[in-house]
C-alpha atoms as a PDB file:
ATOM      1  CA  MET A   1      13.535  87.810  82.460  1.00  0.00           C
ATOM      2  CA  PRO A   2      12.871  90.815  84.697  1.00  0.00           C
ATOM      3  CA  ILE A   3      14.164  90.974  88.253  1.00  0.00           C
ATOM      4  CA  ASP A   4      11.714  89.657  90.858  1.00  0.00           C
ATOM      5  CA  LYS A   5      12.791  91.372  94.073  1.00  0.00           C
ATOM      6  CA  GLU A   6      10.386  89.381  96.266  1.00  0.00           C
ATOM      7  CA  LYS A   7      11.726  86.042  95.036  1.00  0.00           C
ATOM      8  CA  ILE A   8      15.291  87.225  95.600  1.00  0.00           C
ATOM      9  CA  LYS A   9      14.432  88.302  99.159  1.00  0.00           C
ATOM     10  CA  GLN A  10      12.741  84.944  99.876  1.00  0.00           C
ATOM     11  CA  ALA A  11      15.727  83.071  98.471  1.00  0.00           C
ATOM     12  CA  ILE A  12      18.213  85.037 100.561  1.00  0.00           C
ATOM     13  CA  ARG A  13      16.166  84.464 103.720  1.00  0.00           C
ATOM     14  CA  LEU A  14      16.091  80.722 102.978  1.00  0.00           C
ATOM     15  CA  PHE A  15      19.814  80.738 102.219  1.00  0.00           C
ATOM     16  CA  LEU A  16      20.602  82.439 105.518  1.00  0.00           C
ATOM     17  CA  GLU A  17      18.469  79.896 107.383  1.00  0.00           C
ATOM     18  CA  GLY A  18      20.092  77.084 105.398  1.00  0.00           C
ATOM     19  CA  ILE A  19      23.588  78.059 106.546  1.00  0.00           C
ATOM     20  CA  GLY A  20      22.425  78.265 110.165  1.00  0.00           C
ATOM     21  CA  GLU A  21      21.972  82.029 110.451  1.00  0.00           C
ATOM     22  CA  ASP A  22      18.977  83.874 111.868  1.00  0.00           C
ATOM     23  CA  PRO A  23      17.633  86.164 109.118  1.00  0.00           C
ATOM     24  CA  ASN A  24      15.960  88.215 111.869  1.00  0.00           C
ATOM     25  CA  ARG A  25      19.290  89.019 113.544  1.00  0.00           C
ATOM     26  CA  GLU A  26      19.947  92.777 113.498  1.00  0.00           C
ATOM     27  CA  GLY A  27      22.916  92.588 111.104  1.00  0.00           C
ATOM     28  CA  LEU A  28      21.037  90.336 108.669  1.00  0.00           C
ATOM     29  CA  LEU A  29      17.557  91.839 108.910  1.00  0.00           C
ATOM     30  CA  GLU A  30      17.935  94.057 105.840  1.00  0.00           C
ATOM     31  CA  THR A  31      20.278  91.730 103.910  1.00  0.00           C
ATOM     32  CA  PRO A  32      17.560  90.173 101.698  1.00  0.00           C
ATOM     33  CA  ASP A  33      16.409  93.632 100.612  1.00  0.00           C
ATOM     34  CA  ARG A  34      20.004  94.816 100.046  1.00  0.00           C
ATOM     35  CA  VAL A  35      20.762  91.819  97.843  1.00  0.00           C
ATOM     36  CA  ALA A  36      17.559  92.340  95.838  1.00  0.00           C
ATOM     37  CA  ARG A  37      18.379  96.026  95.310  1.00  0.00           C
ATOM     38  CA  MET A  38      21.931  95.114  94.248  1.00  0.00           C
ATOM     39  CA  TRP A  39      20.625  92.805  91.507  1.00  0.00           C
ATOM     40  CA  GLU A  40      18.084  95.448  90.490  1.00  0.00           C
ATOM     41  CA  ASP A  41      20.960  97.948  90.123  1.00  0.00           C
ATOM     42  CA  PHE A  42      22.889  95.417  88.022  1.00  0.00           C
ATOM     43  CA  GLU A  43      19.864  94.946  85.766  1.00  0.00           C
ATOM     44  CA  LYS A  44      19.664  98.701  85.112  1.00  0.00           C
ATOM     45  CA  GLN A  45      23.295  98.730  83.916  1.00  0.00           C
ATOM     46  CA  LYS A  46      22.610  96.128  81.224  1.00  0.00           C
ATOM     47  CA  THR A  47      20.875  98.624  78.938  1.00  0.00           C
ATOM     48  CA  PHE A  48      22.482 101.740  77.507  1.00  0.00           C
ATOM     49  CA  ASN A  49      22.553 103.788  74.332  1.00  0.00           C
ATOM     50  CA  PHE A  50      25.412 102.528  72.160  1.00  0.00           C
ATOM     51  CA  LYS A  51      26.253 105.880  70.518  1.00  0.00           C
ATOM     52  CA  LEU A  52      28.061 105.670  67.185  1.00  0.00           C
ATOM     53  CA  PHE A  53      29.894 108.455  65.368  1.00  0.00           C
ATOM     54  CA  GLU A  54      30.429 108.535  61.622  1.00  0.00           C
ATOM     55  CA  GLU A  55      32.187 111.928  61.498  1.00  0.00           C
ATOM     56  CA  PHE A  56      35.418 110.202  62.541  1.00  0.00           C
ATOM     57  CA  GLY A  57      34.945 107.618  59.810  1.00  0.00           C
ATOM     58  CA  ASN A  58      38.373 108.161  58.316  1.00  0.00           C
ATOM     59  CA  TYR A  59      40.094 106.959  61.520  1.00  0.00           C
ATOM     60  CA  ASN A  60      41.272 103.422  60.792  1.00  0.00           C
ATOM     61  CA  GLU A  61      43.872 102.685  63.487  1.00  0.00           C
ATOM     62  CA  MET A  62      43.418 100.670  66.657  1.00  0.00           C
ATOM     63  CA  VAL A  63      41.202 102.047  69.423  1.00  0.00           C
ATOM     64  CA  LEU A  64      42.098 100.446  72.758  1.00  0.00           C
ATOM     65  CA  VAL A  65      40.664 100.823  76.237  1.00  0.00           C
ATOM     66  CA  LYS A  66      42.688  98.762  78.682  1.00  0.00           C
ATOM     67  CA  ASP A  67      42.591  97.947  82.375  1.00  0.00           C
ATOM     68  CA  ILE A  68      38.805  98.190  82.620  1.00  0.00           C
ATOM     69  CA  ALA A  69      37.849  97.036  86.120  1.00  0.00           C
ATOM     70  CA  ILE A  70      35.418  94.152  85.806  1.00  0.00           C
ATOM     71  CA  TYR A  71      33.399  92.125  88.317  1.00  0.00           C
ATOM     72  CA  SER A  72      31.155  89.165  87.667  1.00  0.00           C
ATOM     73  CA  PHE A  73      29.711  86.104  89.415  1.00  0.00           C
ATOM     74  CA  CYS A  74      30.688  82.514  88.711  1.00  0.00           C
ATOM     75  CA  GLU A  75      27.507  80.777  87.616  1.00  0.00           C
ATOM     76  CA  HIS A  76      28.660  77.527  89.213  1.00  0.00           C
ATOM     77  CA  HIS A  77      29.238  78.824  92.755  1.00  0.00           C
ATOM     78  CA  LEU A  78      27.751  82.358  92.734  1.00  0.00           C
ATOM     79  CA  LEU A  79      31.095  83.672  93.973  1.00  0.00           C
ATOM     80  CA  PRO A  80      32.696  86.746  92.411  1.00  0.00           C
ATOM     81  CA  PHE A  81      35.437  86.783  89.857  1.00  0.00           C
ATOM     82  CA  PHE A  82      37.146  90.055  89.093  1.00  0.00           C
ATOM     83  CA  GLY A  83      40.008  91.630  87.248  1.00  0.00           C
ATOM     84  CA  LYS A  84      40.674  93.645  84.109  1.00  0.00           C
ATOM     85  CA  ALA A  85      39.310  93.753  80.601  1.00  0.00           C
ATOM     86  CA  HIS A  86      41.200  95.042  77.585  1.00  0.00           C
ATOM     87  CA  ILE A  87      39.173  95.926  74.497  1.00  0.00           C
ATOM     88  CA  ALA A  88      40.357  97.049  71.091  1.00  0.00           C
ATOM     89  CA  TYR A  89      38.770  97.520  67.707  1.00  0.00           C
ATOM     90  CA  ILE A  90      39.800  98.853  64.339  1.00  0.00           C
ATOM     91  CA  PRO A  91      37.048 101.053  62.929  1.00  0.00           C
ATOM     92  CA  ASP A  92      35.635 100.673  59.455  1.00  0.00           C
ATOM     93  CA  GLY A  93      33.906 104.029  59.059  1.00  0.00           C
ATOM     94  CA  ILE A  94      32.279 104.192  62.516  1.00  0.00           C
ATOM     95  CA  VAL A  95      33.587 104.759  66.041  1.00  0.00           C
ATOM     96  CA  CYS A  96      31.753 104.598  69.357  1.00  0.00           C
ATOM     97  CA  GLY A  97      31.956 106.667  72.495  1.00  0.00           C
ATOM     98  CA  LEU A  98      34.791 105.241  74.602  1.00  0.00           C
ATOM     99  CA  SER A  99      32.552 104.836  77.649  1.00  0.00           C
ATOM    100  CA  LYS A 100      30.407 102.492  75.576  1.00  0.00           C
ATOM    101  CA  LEU A 101      33.245  99.976  75.553  1.00  0.00           C
ATOM    102  CA  VAL A 102      33.274 100.017  79.359  1.00  0.00           C
ATOM    103  CA  ARG A 103      29.466  99.824  79.507  1.00  0.00           C
ATOM    104  CA  SER A 104      29.540  96.849  77.138  1.00  0.00           C
ATOM    105  CA  VAL A 105      31.838  94.976  79.521  1.00  0.00           C
ATOM    106  CA  ARG A 106      29.580  95.721  82.496  1.00  0.00           C
ATOM    107  CA  ALA A 107      26.377  94.837  80.653  1.00  0.00           C
ATOM    108  CA  PHE A 108      27.544  91.267  80.109  1.00  0.00           C
ATOM    109  CA  ALA A 109      29.476  90.873  83.375  1.00  0.00           C
ATOM    110  CA  LEU A 110      26.683  91.744  85.793  1.00  0.00           C
ATOM    111  CA  ARG A 111      24.969  88.368  85.648  1.00  0.00           C
ATOM    112  CA  PRO A 112      26.003  84.838  86.570  1.00  0.00           C
ATOM    113  CA  GLN A 113      28.684  83.980  84.017  1.00  0.00           C
ATOM    114  CA  VAL A 114      31.654  81.900  83.011  1.00  0.00           C
ATOM    115  CA  GLN A 115      34.681  83.848  81.845  1.00  0.00           C
ATOM    116  CA  GLU A 116      34.934  82.108  78.483  1.00  0.00           C
ATOM    117  CA  ARG A 117      31.349  82.998  77.516  1.00  0.00           C
ATOM    118  CA  LEU A 118      31.734  86.531  78.870  1.00  0.00           C
ATOM    119  CA  THR A 119      34.794  87.131  76.679  1.00  0.00           C
ATOM    120  CA  ASN A 120      32.961  85.928  73.559  1.00  0.00           C
ATOM    121  CA  GLU A 121      29.758  87.850  74.340  1.00  0.00           C
ATOM    122  CA  ILE A 122      31.647  91.129  74.624  1.00  0.00           C
ATOM    123  CA  ALA A 123      33.569  90.520  71.388  1.00  0.00           C
ATOM    124  CA  ASP A 124      30.480  89.417  69.449  1.00  0.00           C
ATOM    125  CA  PHE A 125      28.418  92.379  70.705  1.00  0.00           C
ATOM    126  CA  LEU A 126      31.082  94.910  69.706  1.00  0.00           C
ATOM    127  CA  ALA A 127      31.561  93.242  66.324  1.00  0.00           C
ATOM    128  CA  SER A 128      27.812  93.398  65.648  1.00  0.00           C
ATOM    129  CA  GLN A 129      27.399  97.008  66.812  1.00  0.00           C
ATOM    130  CA  LEU A 130      30.525  98.563  65.281  1.00  0.00           C
ATOM    131  CA  LYS A 131      30.988  96.364  62.221  1.00  0.00           C
ATOM    132  CA  PRO A 132      34.735  97.053  62.527  1.00  0.00           C
ATOM    133  CA  LYS A 133      37.688  95.570  60.698  1.00  0.00           C
ATOM    134  CA  GLY A 134      38.394  93.661  63.883  1.00  0.00           C
ATOM    135  CA  VAL A 135      37.723  93.331  67.614  1.00  0.00           C
ATOM    136  CA  ALA A 136      39.971  91.992  70.371  1.00  0.00           C
ATOM    137  CA  VAL A 137      38.952  91.266  73.957  1.00  0.00           C
ATOM    138  CA  VAL A 138      41.217  89.936  76.709  1.00  0.00           C
ATOM    139  CA  LEU A 139      40.008  89.299  80.263  1.00  0.00           C
ATOM    140  CA  GLU A 140      42.387  88.697  83.168  1.00  0.00           C
ATOM    141  CA  MET A 141      40.376  87.494  86.166  1.00  0.00           C
ATOM    142  CA  GLU A 142      40.816  86.044  89.632  1.00  0.00           C
ATOM    143  CA  HIS A 143      38.064  83.603  90.575  1.00  0.00           C
ATOM    144  CA  LEU A 144      37.091  83.407  94.241  1.00  0.00           C
ATOM    145  CA  CYS A 145      35.722  79.917  93.608  1.00  0.00           C
ATOM    146  CA  MET A 146      39.403  78.892  93.181  1.00  0.00           C
ATOM    147  CA  SER A 147      40.856  81.319  95.717  1.00  0.00           C
ATOM    148  CA  MET A 148      38.627  80.730  98.736  1.00  0.00           C
ATOM    149  CA  ARG A 149      37.213  77.242  98.075  1.00  0.00           C
ATOM    150  CA  GLY A 150      38.241  74.227  96.072  1.00  0.00           C
ATOM    151  CA  VAL A 151      42.000  74.481  95.550  1.00  0.00           C
ATOM    152  CA  MET A 152      42.129  77.485  97.972  1.00  0.00           C
ATOM    153  CA  SER A 153      44.962  79.154  96.117  1.00  0.00           C
ATOM    154  CA  PRO A 154      44.554  82.940  95.726  1.00  0.00           C
ATOM    155  CA  GLY A 155      46.388  85.153  93.295  1.00  0.00           C
ATOM    156  CA  HIS A 156      45.958  83.140  90.095  1.00  0.00           C
ATOM    157  CA  LEU A 157      44.718  84.895  86.997  1.00  0.00           C
ATOM    158  CA  THR A 158      42.691  83.196  84.311  1.00  0.00           C
ATOM    159  CA  VAL A 159      43.236  84.863  80.944  1.00  0.00           C
ATOM    160  CA  THR A 160      40.793  84.474  78.056  1.00  0.00           C
ATOM    161  CA  SER A 161      40.766  86.129  74.658  1.00  0.00           C
ATOM    162  CA  ALA A 162      38.350  86.571  71.802  1.00  0.00           C
ATOM    163  CA  LEU A 163      39.695  87.827  68.495  1.00  0.00           C
ATOM    164  CA  ARG A 164      37.572  88.766  65.516  1.00  0.00           C
ATOM    165  CA  GLY A 165      38.404  89.978  62.017  1.00  0.00           C
ATOM    166  CA  ILE A 166      41.865  91.413  61.418  1.00  0.00           C
ATOM    167  CA  PHE A 167      43.001  90.582  64.976  1.00  0.00           C
ATOM    168  CA  LEU A 168      42.533  86.933  64.080  1.00  0.00           C
ATOM    169  CA  SER A 169      43.826  87.024  60.514  1.00  0.00           C
ATOM    170  CA  ASP A 170      46.782  89.439  60.782  1.00  0.00           C
ATOM    171  CA  LEU A 171      49.638  88.459  63.102  1.00  0.00           C
ATOM    172  CA  ARG A 172      51.103  92.003  63.198  1.00  0.00           C
ATOM    173  CA  THR A 173      47.812  93.514  64.354  1.00  0.00           C
ATOM    174  CA  ARG A 174      47.377  90.851  67.019  1.00  0.00           C
ATOM    175  CA  GLU A 175      50.967  91.364  68.241  1.00  0.00           C
ATOM    176  CA  GLU A 176      50.496  95.153  68.404  1.00  0.00           C
ATOM    177  CA  PHE A 177      47.380  94.675  70.556  1.00  0.00           C
ATOM    178  CA  LEU A 178      49.123  92.237  72.888  1.00  0.00           C
ATOM    179  CA  LYS A 179      52.148  94.549  73.279  1.00  0.00           C
ATOM    180  CA  LEU A 180      49.915  97.519  74.061  1.00  0.00           C
ATOM    181  CA  ILE A 181      47.971  95.726  76.782  1.00  0.00           C
ATOM    182  CA  ASP A 182      51.204  94.482  78.329  1.00  0.00           C
ATOM    183  CA  ARG A 183      52.622  98.010  78.725  1.00  0.00           C
ATOM    184  CA  PRO A 184      52.289  99.707  82.111  1.00  0.00           C
ATOM    185  CA  ALA A 185      49.521 102.272  82.451  1.00  0.00           C
ATOM    186  CA  LEU A 186      50.555 105.931  82.389  1.00  0.00           C
END
């Protein structure tokens, strides 16, 4: 469904009134429009050209991009959750531009989500686009719905993984991936 900026603005005005704020107060006057533009910006990031390269087709070792900053919104509370994504794949004749791995994470994260689904969506998308020997995705996220409400205990990380292909079937490959994401960044 396309973004409807007017509905978003109406909803934010009603929300502000609902929590006892005056949407006409100077600091809040432009908030509905800002929120609508933010979601419009998110929508634009969901589409991108997933460029593939066959000239590197003989490369058959792990490709890993780790510590990708990721932000999303809990679909239950509309509060942010954020952290790091680690993505690896083992090519089978095709590689992609490295930025496409980061864009893939953002494309699925910038919508109301649950971390478990987000992890699977990224893995399934990369598996379908790259047709690799295997894909591995690990997300490490802090959820503000746990940190600032509910249990009110900040600093916890929720870790989810999605393994496809050789990462699921070969213990050595899975262990190599897990060791690499556990190493400190350069």
